[in-house]
Amino acid sequence: MPSGKMTWIKSEGSLSGFEGSGTWRIDYDIFGREHRTAYLPDTNEGREILALFFLAFERRLTFAVGFSVTRNQDNLVVWNGIHHKTH
């Protein structure tokens, strides 16, 4: 996985299906030029998943350099099979 930084912040907005629970916004900055944002509900399960996302990131499992289907290009930063809610 390329080098990067993971940060998260709690916001008051709710995710669909989790009204009233608040939201964790997770920001990933990769190579200092690639950026990804993901969201989790602020529930017990959401906080547990956030901890697991952090562990995966620390172990360099979250991203890879490979072929991007959405951009139809090779040698780009891509998700590495750990699904995130990005909208």
N, C-alpha and C. Protein backbone atom coordinates (compact mmCIF):
# COMPACT_ATOMS: atom_id res chain seq x y z
N MET A 1 0.85 -1.18 0.00
CA MET A 1 0.00 0.00 0.00
C MET A 1 0.89 1.24 0.00
N PRO A 2 0.53 2.25 -0.77
CA PRO A 2 1.29 3.49 -0.73
C PRO A 2 1.16 4.19 0.61
N SER A 3 2.11 5.07 0.90
CA SER A 3 2.07 5.77 2.19
C SER A 3 0.91 6.77 2.22
N GLY A 4 0.43 7.04 3.42
CA GLY A 4 -0.69 7.96 3.55
C GLY A 4 -1.07 8.22 4.99
N LYS A 5 -2.18 8.92 5.15
CA LYS A 5 -2.66 9.29 6.47
C LYS A 5 -4.17 9.05 6.53
N MET A 6 -4.64 8.56 7.65
CA MET A 6 -6.07 8.33 7.89
C MET A 6 -6.49 9.19 9.07
N THR A 7 -7.55 9.98 8.88
CA THR A 7 -8.11 10.78 9.97
C THR A 7 -9.61 10.57 9.99
N TRP A 8 -10.24 10.84 11.14
CA TRP A 8 -11.69 10.72 11.23
C TRP A 8 -12.22 11.77 12.18
N ILE A 9 -13.46 12.16 11.93
CA ILE A 9 -14.12 13.17 12.74
C ILE A 9 -15.60 12.83 12.82
N LYS A 10 -16.20 13.12 13.96
CA LYS A 10 -17.63 12.88 14.13
C LYS A 10 -18.40 14.11 13.69
N SER A 11 -19.45 13.90 12.90
CA SER A 11 -20.32 15.00 12.50
C SER A 11 -21.74 14.71 12.97
N GLU A 12 -22.55 15.73 13.00
CA GLU A 12 -23.92 15.59 13.51
C GLU A 12 -24.89 15.01 12.49
N GLY A 13 -24.57 15.08 11.22
CA GLY A 13 -25.46 14.54 10.19
C GLY A 13 -25.62 13.04 10.34
N SER A 14 -26.73 12.50 9.83
CA SER A 14 -27.01 11.07 9.93
C SER A 14 -26.92 10.40 8.57
N LEU A 15 -26.55 9.14 8.58
CA LEU A 15 -26.59 8.34 7.37
C LEU A 15 -27.98 7.75 7.19
N SER A 16 -28.37 7.53 5.97
CA SER A 16 -29.66 6.91 5.68
C SER A 16 -29.75 5.56 6.39
N GLY A 17 -30.85 5.36 7.12
CA GLY A 17 -31.05 4.13 7.87
C GLY A 17 -30.52 4.21 9.29
N PHE A 18 -29.79 5.30 9.61
CA PHE A 18 -29.22 5.46 10.94
C PHE A 18 -29.53 6.87 11.47
N GLU A 19 -30.75 7.33 11.22
CA GLU A 19 -31.15 8.67 11.62
C GLU A 19 -30.95 8.88 13.13
N GLY A 20 -30.40 10.04 13.47
CA GLY A 20 -30.20 10.38 14.87
C GLY A 20 -28.93 9.83 15.50
N SER A 21 -28.15 9.09 14.74
CA SER A 21 -26.97 8.46 15.36
C SER A 21 -25.68 9.24 15.15
N GLY A 22 -25.66 10.24 14.31
CA GLY A 22 -24.41 10.92 13.98
C GLY A 22 -23.61 10.09 12.99
N THR A 23 -22.56 10.68 12.48
CA THR A 23 -21.77 10.05 11.43
C THR A 23 -20.29 10.24 11.68
N TRP A 24 -19.50 9.22 11.40
CA TRP A 24 -18.05 9.33 11.37
C TRP A 24 -17.64 9.55 9.93
N ARG A 25 -16.91 10.64 9.67
CA ARG A 25 -16.33 10.88 8.34
C ARG A 25 -14.87 10.48 8.42
N ILE A 26 -14.46 9.59 7.55
CA ILE A 26 -13.10 9.09 7.51
C ILE A 26 -12.43 9.65 6.26
N ASP A 27 -11.29 10.30 6.45
CA ASP A 27 -10.54 10.86 5.33
C ASP A 27 -9.22 10.14 5.19
N TYR A 28 -8.92 9.74 3.96
CA TYR A 28 -7.65 9.11 3.63
C TYR A 28 -6.91 10.03 2.67
N ASP A 29 -5.67 10.35 2.99
CA ASP A 29 -4.81 11.09 2.07
C ASP A 29 -3.65 10.18 1.71
N ILE A 30 -3.55 9.85 0.44
CA ILE A 30 -2.55 8.90 -0.04
C ILE A 30 -1.57 9.64 -0.94
N PHE A 31 -0.30 9.42 -0.72
CA PHE A 31 0.77 10.06 -1.50
C PHE A 31 0.74 11.58 -1.40
N GLY A 32 -0.12 12.14 -0.55
CA GLY A 32 -0.24 13.59 -0.49
C GLY A 32 -0.99 14.19 -1.67
N ARG A 33 -1.53 13.34 -2.56
CA ARG A 33 -2.24 13.86 -3.74
C ARG A 33 -3.55 13.14 -4.02
N GLU A 34 -3.72 11.95 -3.51
CA GLU A 34 -4.97 11.19 -3.67
C GLU A 34 -5.78 11.33 -2.39
N HIS A 35 -7.08 11.50 -2.52
CA HIS A 35 -7.94 11.67 -1.35
C HIS A 35 -9.18 10.79 -1.50
N ARG A 36 -9.55 10.11 -0.43
CA ARG A 36 -10.78 9.32 -0.39
C ARG A 36 -11.51 9.66 0.90
N THR A 37 -12.84 9.67 0.85
CA THR A 37 -13.66 9.91 2.03
C THR A 37 -14.66 8.78 2.18
N ALA A 38 -14.87 8.33 3.40
CA ALA A 38 -15.83 7.26 3.69
C ALA A 38 -16.63 7.65 4.93
N TYR A 39 -17.73 6.95 5.15
CA TYR A 39 -18.65 7.30 6.24
C TYR A 39 -19.10 6.05 6.99
N LEU A 40 -19.27 6.21 8.30
CA LEU A 40 -19.83 5.16 9.16
C LEU A 40 -20.83 5.80 10.12
N PRO A 41 -21.87 5.07 10.50
CA PRO A 41 -22.77 5.61 11.53
C PRO A 41 -22.08 5.58 12.89
N ASP A 42 -22.43 6.53 13.73
CA ASP A 42 -21.88 6.56 15.09
C ASP A 42 -22.73 5.67 15.99
N THR A 43 -22.57 4.38 15.80
CA THR A 43 -23.23 3.36 16.61
C THR A 43 -22.14 2.47 17.20
N ASN A 44 -22.52 1.57 18.08
CA ASN A 44 -21.52 0.63 18.61
C ASN A 44 -20.82 -0.13 17.49
N GLU A 45 -21.60 -0.62 16.52
CA GLU A 45 -21.03 -1.37 15.40
C GLU A 45 -20.16 -0.47 14.53
N GLY A 46 -20.62 0.77 14.30
CA GLY A 46 -19.84 1.71 13.50
C GLY A 46 -18.50 2.02 14.13
N ARG A 47 -18.48 2.21 15.45
CA ARG A 47 -17.22 2.48 16.15
C ARG A 47 -16.29 1.25 16.10
N GLU A 48 -16.87 0.07 16.17
CA GLU A 48 -16.06 -1.15 16.06
C GLU A 48 -15.44 -1.26 14.67
N ILE A 49 -16.24 -0.97 13.65
CA ILE A 49 -15.73 -1.02 12.28
C ILE A 49 -14.66 0.05 12.07
N LEU A 50 -14.86 1.24 12.64
CA LEU A 50 -13.85 2.30 12.54
C LEU A 50 -12.52 1.81 13.11
N ALA A 51 -12.55 1.15 14.24
CA ALA A 51 -11.32 0.60 14.83
C ALA A 51 -10.68 -0.44 13.91
N LEU A 52 -11.51 -1.26 13.26
CA LEU A 52 -10.99 -2.26 12.33
C LEU A 52 -10.43 -1.61 11.07
N PHE A 53 -11.09 -0.54 10.58
CA PHE A 53 -10.56 0.21 9.43
C PHE A 53 -9.19 0.78 9.77
N PHE A 54 -9.05 1.32 10.99
CA PHE A 54 -7.77 1.88 11.41
C PHE A 54 -6.70 0.79 11.46
N LEU A 55 -7.04 -0.36 12.00
CA LEU A 55 -6.10 -1.47 12.06
C LEU A 55 -5.69 -1.91 10.65
N ALA A 56 -6.65 -2.02 9.75
CA ALA A 56 -6.34 -2.39 8.36
C ALA A 56 -5.43 -1.35 7.71
N PHE A 57 -5.71 -0.06 7.97
CA PHE A 57 -4.88 0.99 7.40
C PHE A 57 -3.46 0.91 7.96
N GLU A 58 -3.34 0.74 9.26
CA GLU A 58 -2.02 0.62 9.88
C GLU A 58 -1.24 -0.57 9.33
N ARG A 59 -1.95 -1.61 8.99
CA ARG A 59 -1.30 -2.82 8.42
C ARG A 59 -1.12 -2.71 6.91
N ARG A 60 -1.49 -1.54 6.35
CA ARG A 60 -1.31 -1.23 4.93
C ARG A 60 -2.12 -2.14 4.01
N LEU A 61 -3.37 -2.40 4.42
CA LEU A 61 -4.25 -3.29 3.67
C LEU A 61 -5.38 -2.57 2.94
N THR A 62 -5.57 -1.29 3.18
CA THR A 62 -6.75 -0.58 2.70
C THR A 62 -6.66 -0.23 1.21
N PHE A 63 -5.50 0.15 0.74
CA PHE A 63 -5.31 0.55 -0.65
C PHE A 63 -4.20 -0.25 -1.30
N ALA A 64 -4.18 -0.21 -2.63
CA ALA A 64 -3.12 -0.82 -3.41
C ALA A 64 -2.88 0.06 -4.63
N VAL A 65 -1.81 -0.19 -5.33
CA VAL A 65 -1.58 0.45 -6.61
C VAL A 65 -1.90 -0.59 -7.67
N GLY A 66 -2.83 -0.25 -8.56
CA GLY A 66 -3.25 -1.22 -9.56
C GLY A 66 -4.13 -0.58 -10.62
N PHE A 67 -4.91 -1.41 -11.28
CA PHE A 67 -5.79 -0.96 -12.35
C PHE A 67 -7.08 -0.41 -11.77
N SER A 68 -7.44 0.81 -12.16
CA SER A 68 -8.69 1.43 -11.73
C SER A 68 -9.75 1.20 -12.78
N VAL A 69 -10.80 0.46 -12.42
CA VAL A 69 -11.89 0.19 -13.33
C VAL A 69 -12.64 1.48 -13.65
N THR A 70 -12.83 2.34 -12.66
CA THR A 70 -13.59 3.58 -12.88
C THR A 70 -12.84 4.57 -13.77
N ARG A 71 -11.53 4.57 -13.71
CA ARG A 71 -10.74 5.49 -14.54
C ARG A 71 -10.15 4.82 -15.77
N ASN A 72 -10.25 3.49 -15.84
CA ASN A 72 -9.72 2.71 -16.96
C ASN A 72 -8.23 2.98 -17.17
N GLN A 73 -7.47 3.02 -16.04
CA GLN A 73 -6.03 3.25 -16.10
C GLN A 73 -5.32 2.35 -15.11
N ASP A 74 -4.07 2.05 -15.42
CA ASP A 74 -3.25 1.23 -14.54
C ASP A 74 -2.34 2.12 -13.68
N ASN A 75 -1.77 1.55 -12.64
CA ASN A 75 -0.84 2.21 -11.73
C ASN A 75 -1.46 3.39 -10.99
N LEU A 76 -2.68 3.21 -10.52
CA LEU A 76 -3.37 4.22 -9.72
C LEU A 76 -3.67 3.65 -8.33
N VAL A 77 -3.92 4.53 -7.37
CA VAL A 77 -4.33 4.10 -6.03
C VAL A 77 -5.77 3.59 -6.12
N VAL A 78 -5.99 2.35 -5.67
CA VAL A 78 -7.33 1.74 -5.72
C VAL A 78 -7.64 1.12 -4.36
N TRP A 79 -8.94 0.98 -4.07
CA TRP A 79 -9.36 0.27 -2.86
C TRP A 79 -8.87 -1.17 -2.97
N ASN A 80 -8.52 -1.76 -1.86
CA ASN A 80 -7.93 -3.10 -1.86
C ASN A 80 -8.90 -4.15 -1.29
N GLY A 81 -10.18 -4.04 -1.61
CA GLY A 81 -11.13 -5.08 -1.23
C GLY A 81 -11.81 -4.89 0.12
N ILE A 82 -11.51 -3.82 0.85
CA ILE A 82 -12.19 -3.53 2.09
C ILE A 82 -13.23 -2.46 1.77
N HIS A 83 -14.48 -2.87 1.74
CA HIS A 83 -15.54 -1.98 1.27
C HIS A 83 -15.83 -0.86 2.26
N HIS A 84 -16.03 0.33 1.73
CA HIS A 84 -16.34 1.53 2.51
C HIS A 84 -17.57 2.21 1.90
N LYS A 85 -18.37 2.84 2.73
CA LYS A 85 -19.47 3.67 2.24
C LYS A 85 -18.88 5.02 1.87
N THR A 86 -18.95 5.40 0.60
CA THR A 86 -18.31 6.62 0.14
C THR A 86 -19.29 7.73 -0.22
N HIS A 87 -20.59 7.51 -0.06
CA HIS A 87 -21.60 8.55 -0.33
C HIS A 87 -22.55 8.65 0.83
